[in-house]
Amino acid sequence: MAKEIQLNGTQNVTVVTREEVIIETDKVNIISITDDGKKVYCKVSFFHTSGLKRDLILWEGQDYNNIGNWTDDDVENRVKELLNVT
Protein backbone atom coordinates (compact mmCIF):
# COMPACT_ATOMS: atom_id res chain seq x y z
CA MET A 1 0.00 0.00 0.00
CA ALA A 2 1.57 3.25 -1.08
CA LYS A 3 0.05 6.53 0.02
CA GLU A 4 1.31 10.04 -0.45
CA ILE A 5 0.99 12.58 2.35
CA GLN A 6 0.86 16.14 1.05
CA LEU A 7 2.31 18.52 3.61
CA ASN A 8 1.26 22.14 4.08
CA GLY A 9 4.01 23.54 1.86
CA THR A 10 7.66 22.62 1.86
CA GLN A 11 8.96 21.86 5.34
CA ASN A 12 12.15 20.70 6.99
CA VAL A 13 11.86 17.08 8.08
CA THR A 14 14.36 15.64 10.55
CA VAL A 15 15.13 12.02 9.76
CA VAL A 16 17.24 10.02 12.18
CA THR A 17 19.06 7.04 10.73
CA ARG A 18 22.61 6.50 11.87
CA GLU A 19 22.87 10.24 12.09
CA GLU A 20 20.31 13.03 12.06
CA VAL A 21 19.53 14.36 8.60
CA ILE A 22 17.32 17.35 7.83
CA ILE A 23 15.76 17.42 4.39
CA GLU A 24 13.37 19.86 2.79
CA THR A 25 10.31 18.25 1.23
CA ASP A 26 6.62 18.82 0.61
CA LYS A 27 5.60 15.13 0.39
CA VAL A 28 6.09 11.92 2.33
CA ASN A 29 5.27 8.57 0.72
CA ILE A 30 4.01 5.69 2.87
CA ILE A 31 5.35 2.64 1.05
CA SER A 32 3.94 -0.04 3.34
CA ILE A 33 2.21 -0.55 6.68
CA THR A 34 2.60 -3.69 8.79
CA ASP A 35 0.58 -4.73 11.83
CA ASP A 36 2.24 -7.78 13.38
CA GLY A 37 -0.14 -8.08 16.33
CA LYS A 38 2.29 -6.35 18.71
CA LYS A 39 3.08 -3.14 16.88
CA VAL A 40 2.27 -1.17 13.74
CA TYR A 41 5.15 0.11 11.66
CA CYS A 42 5.53 1.59 8.22
CA LYS A 43 8.19 2.32 5.64
CA VAL A 44 8.23 5.90 4.34
CA SER A 45 10.21 7.68 1.67
CA PHE A 46 10.71 11.35 1.05
CA PHE A 47 10.35 13.27 -2.20
CA HIS A 48 13.93 14.40 -2.15
CA THR A 49 16.95 13.77 -4.35
CA SER A 50 18.54 11.47 -1.76
CA GLY A 51 15.87 8.77 -2.15
CA LEU A 52 15.91 8.46 1.65
CA LYS A 53 13.68 5.78 3.20
CA ARG A 54 12.90 5.24 6.85
CA ASP A 55 11.02 2.71 9.00
CA LEU A 56 8.78 4.25 11.63
CA ILE A 57 7.15 2.44 14.55
CA LEU A 58 3.70 3.98 14.80
CA TRP A 59 2.33 2.19 17.84
CA GLU A 60 3.68 -0.52 20.14
CA GLY A 61 3.04 -1.73 23.67
CA GLN A 62 0.20 0.08 25.44
CA ASP A 63 -0.10 2.56 22.56
CA TYR A 64 -0.80 -0.42 20.27
CA ASN A 65 -3.52 -1.64 22.62
CA ASN A 66 -5.00 1.85 22.89
CA ILE A 67 -5.22 2.47 19.13
CA GLY A 68 -7.28 -0.69 18.53
CA ASN A 69 -8.60 -0.73 14.96
CA TRP A 70 -6.50 1.98 13.33
CA THR A 71 -7.44 3.69 10.07
CA ASP A 72 -5.45 5.16 7.19
CA ASP A 73 -6.16 8.60 8.67
CA ASP A 74 -4.72 7.44 12.02
CA VAL A 75 -1.57 6.31 10.19
CA GLU A 76 -1.22 9.60 8.30
CA ASN A 77 -1.70 11.64 11.48
CA ARG A 78 0.82 9.51 13.40
CA VAL A 79 3.44 9.78 10.64
CA LYS A 80 3.04 13.57 10.67
CA GLU A 81 3.29 13.59 14.46
CA LEU A 82 6.47 11.49 14.46
CA LEU A 83 8.06 13.66 11.77
CA ASN A 84 6.83 16.85 13.47
CA VAL A 85 5.20 18.21 10.29
CA THR A 86 1.75 19.42 9.32
C-alpha atoms as a PDB file:
ATOM      1  CA  MET A   1       0.000   0.000   0.000  1.00  0.00           C
ATOM      2  CA  ALA A   2       1.569   3.255  -1.082  1.00  0.00           C
ATOM      3  CA  LYS A   3       0.048   6.525   0.021  1.00  0.00           C
ATOM      4  CA  GLU A   4       1.313  10.038  -0.450  1.00  0.00           C
ATOM      5  CA  ILE A   5       0.991  12.584   2.352  1.00  0.00           C
ATOM      6  CA  GLN A   6       0.857  16.138   1.048  1.00  0.00           C
ATOM      7  CA  LEU A   7       2.307  18.524   3.612  1.00  0.00           C
ATOM      8  CA  ASN A   8       1.260  22.136   4.084  1.00  0.00           C
ATOM      9  CA  GLY A   9       4.007  23.540   1.858  1.00  0.00           C
ATOM     10  CA  THR A  10       7.664  22.619   1.859  1.00  0.00           C
ATOM     11  CA  GLN A  11       8.957  21.858   5.342  1.00  0.00           C
ATOM     12  CA  ASN A  12      12.151  20.696   6.986  1.00  0.00           C
ATOM     13  CA  VAL A  13      11.858  17.075   8.083  1.00  0.00           C
ATOM     14  CA  THR A  14      14.361  15.643  10.551  1.00  0.00           C
ATOM     15  CA  VAL A  15      15.134  12.018   9.761  1.00  0.00           C
ATOM     16  CA  VAL A  16      17.238  10.019  12.175  1.00  0.00           C
ATOM     17  CA  THR A  17      19.057   7.036  10.727  1.00  0.00           C
ATOM     18  CA  ARG A  18      22.610   6.498  11.871  1.00  0.00           C
ATOM     19  CA  GLU A  19      22.868  10.242  12.090  1.00  0.00           C
ATOM     20  CA  GLU A  20      20.311  13.026  12.061  1.00  0.00           C
ATOM     21  CA  VAL A  21      19.531  14.365   8.598  1.00  0.00           C
ATOM     22  CA  ILE A  22      17.322  17.352   7.832  1.00  0.00           C
ATOM     23  CA  ILE A  23      15.760  17.418   4.389  1.00  0.00           C
ATOM     24  CA  GLU A  24      13.367  19.864   2.788  1.00  0.00           C
ATOM     25  CA  THR A  25      10.305  18.246   1.227  1.00  0.00           C
ATOM     26  CA  ASP A  26       6.625  18.819   0.612  1.00  0.00           C
ATOM     27  CA  LYS A  27       5.603  15.133   0.394  1.00  0.00           C
ATOM     28  CA  VAL A  28       6.085  11.921   2.326  1.00  0.00           C
ATOM     29  CA  ASN A  29       5.273   8.567   0.720  1.00  0.00           C
ATOM     30  CA  ILE A  30       4.015   5.691   2.870  1.00  0.00           C
ATOM     31  CA  ILE A  31       5.350   2.639   1.053  1.00  0.00           C
ATOM     32  CA  SER A  32       3.940  -0.036   3.342  1.00  0.00           C
ATOM     33  CA  ILE A  33       2.213  -0.548   6.681  1.00  0.00           C
ATOM     34  CA  THR A  34       2.601  -3.687   8.785  1.00  0.00           C
ATOM     35  CA  ASP A  35       0.579  -4.731  11.827  1.00  0.00           C
ATOM     36  CA  ASP A  36       2.243  -7.777  13.379  1.00  0.00           C
ATOM     37  CA  GLY A  37      -0.141  -8.081  16.329  1.00  0.00           C
ATOM     38  CA  LYS A  38       2.287  -6.353  18.707  1.00  0.00           C
ATOM     39  CA  LYS A  39       3.076  -3.136  16.877  1.00  0.00           C
ATOM     40  CA  VAL A  40       2.269  -1.172  13.739  1.00  0.00           C
ATOM     41  CA  TYR A  41       5.153   0.106  11.664  1.00  0.00           C
ATOM     42  CA  CYS A  42       5.531   1.591   8.223  1.00  0.00           C
ATOM     43  CA  LYS A  43       8.192   2.325   5.644  1.00  0.00           C
ATOM     44  CA  VAL A  44       8.227   5.901   4.339  1.00  0.00           C
ATOM     45  CA  SER A  45      10.210   7.685   1.673  1.00  0.00           C
ATOM     46  CA  PHE A  46      10.710  11.355   1.053  1.00  0.00           C
ATOM     47  CA  PHE A  47      10.350  13.268  -2.199  1.00  0.00           C
ATOM     48  CA  HIS A  48      13.934  14.400  -2.148  1.00  0.00           C
ATOM     49  CA  THR A  49      16.945  13.771  -4.348  1.00  0.00           C
ATOM     50  CA  SER A  50      18.538  11.465  -1.763  1.00  0.00           C
ATOM     51  CA  GLY A  51      15.870   8.772  -2.148  1.00  0.00           C
ATOM     52  CA  LEU A  52      15.914   8.464   1.645  1.00  0.00           C
ATOM     53  CA  LYS A  53      13.679   5.784   3.198  1.00  0.00           C
ATOM     54  CA  ARG A  54      12.902   5.236   6.852  1.00  0.00           C
ATOM     55  CA  ASP A  55      11.025   2.711   8.996  1.00  0.00           C
ATOM     56  CA  LEU A  56       8.778   4.253  11.635  1.00  0.00           C
ATOM     57  CA  ILE A  57       7.154   2.442  14.551  1.00  0.00           C
ATOM     58  CA  LEU A  58       3.702   3.980  14.796  1.00  0.00           C
ATOM     59  CA  TRP A  59       2.327   2.190  17.845  1.00  0.00           C
ATOM     60  CA  GLU A  60       3.675  -0.518  20.140  1.00  0.00           C
ATOM     61  CA  GLY A  61       3.041  -1.726  23.675  1.00  0.00           C
ATOM     62  CA  GLN A  62       0.203   0.077  25.440  1.00  0.00           C
ATOM     63  CA  ASP A  63      -0.101   2.558  22.559  1.00  0.00           C
ATOM     64  CA  TYR A  64      -0.801  -0.423  20.272  1.00  0.00           C
ATOM     65  CA  ASN A  65      -3.522  -1.639  22.622  1.00  0.00           C
ATOM     66  CA  ASN A  66      -4.998   1.849  22.885  1.00  0.00           C
ATOM     67  CA  ILE A  67      -5.222   2.474  19.125  1.00  0.00           C
ATOM     68  CA  GLY A  68      -7.279  -0.689  18.527  1.00  0.00           C
ATOM     69  CA  ASN A  69      -8.597  -0.726  14.960  1.00  0.00           C
ATOM     70  CA  TRP A  70      -6.497   1.984  13.328  1.00  0.00           C
ATOM     71  CA  THR A  71      -7.440   3.686  10.073  1.00  0.00           C
ATOM     72  CA  ASP A  72      -5.453   5.163   7.192  1.00  0.00           C
ATOM     73  CA  ASP A  73      -6.162   8.605   8.671  1.00  0.00           C
ATOM     74  CA  ASP A  74      -4.716   7.440  12.022  1.00  0.00           C
ATOM     75  CA  VAL A  75      -1.565   6.306  10.192  1.00  0.00           C
ATOM     76  CA  GLU A  76      -1.221   9.598   8.302  1.00  0.00           C
ATOM     77  CA  ASN A  77      -1.702  11.642  11.479  1.00  0.00           C
ATOM     78  CA  ARG A  78       0.818   9.506  13.399  1.00  0.00           C
ATOM     79  CA  VAL A  79       3.442   9.780  10.641  1.00  0.00           C
ATOM     80  CA  LYS A  80       3.036  13.568  10.666  1.00  0.00           C
ATOM     81  CA  GLU A  81       3.291  13.587  14.462  1.00  0.00           C
ATOM     82  CA  LEU A  82       6.472  11.486  14.463  1.00  0.00           C
ATOM     83  CA  LEU A  83       8.060  13.663  11.768  1.00  0.00           C
ATOM     84  CA  ASN A  84       6.829  16.847  13.471  1.00  0.00           C
ATOM     85  CA  VAL A  85       5.197  18.211  10.286  1.00  0.00           C
ATOM     86  CA  THR A  86       1.748  19.417   9.322  1.00  0.00           C
END
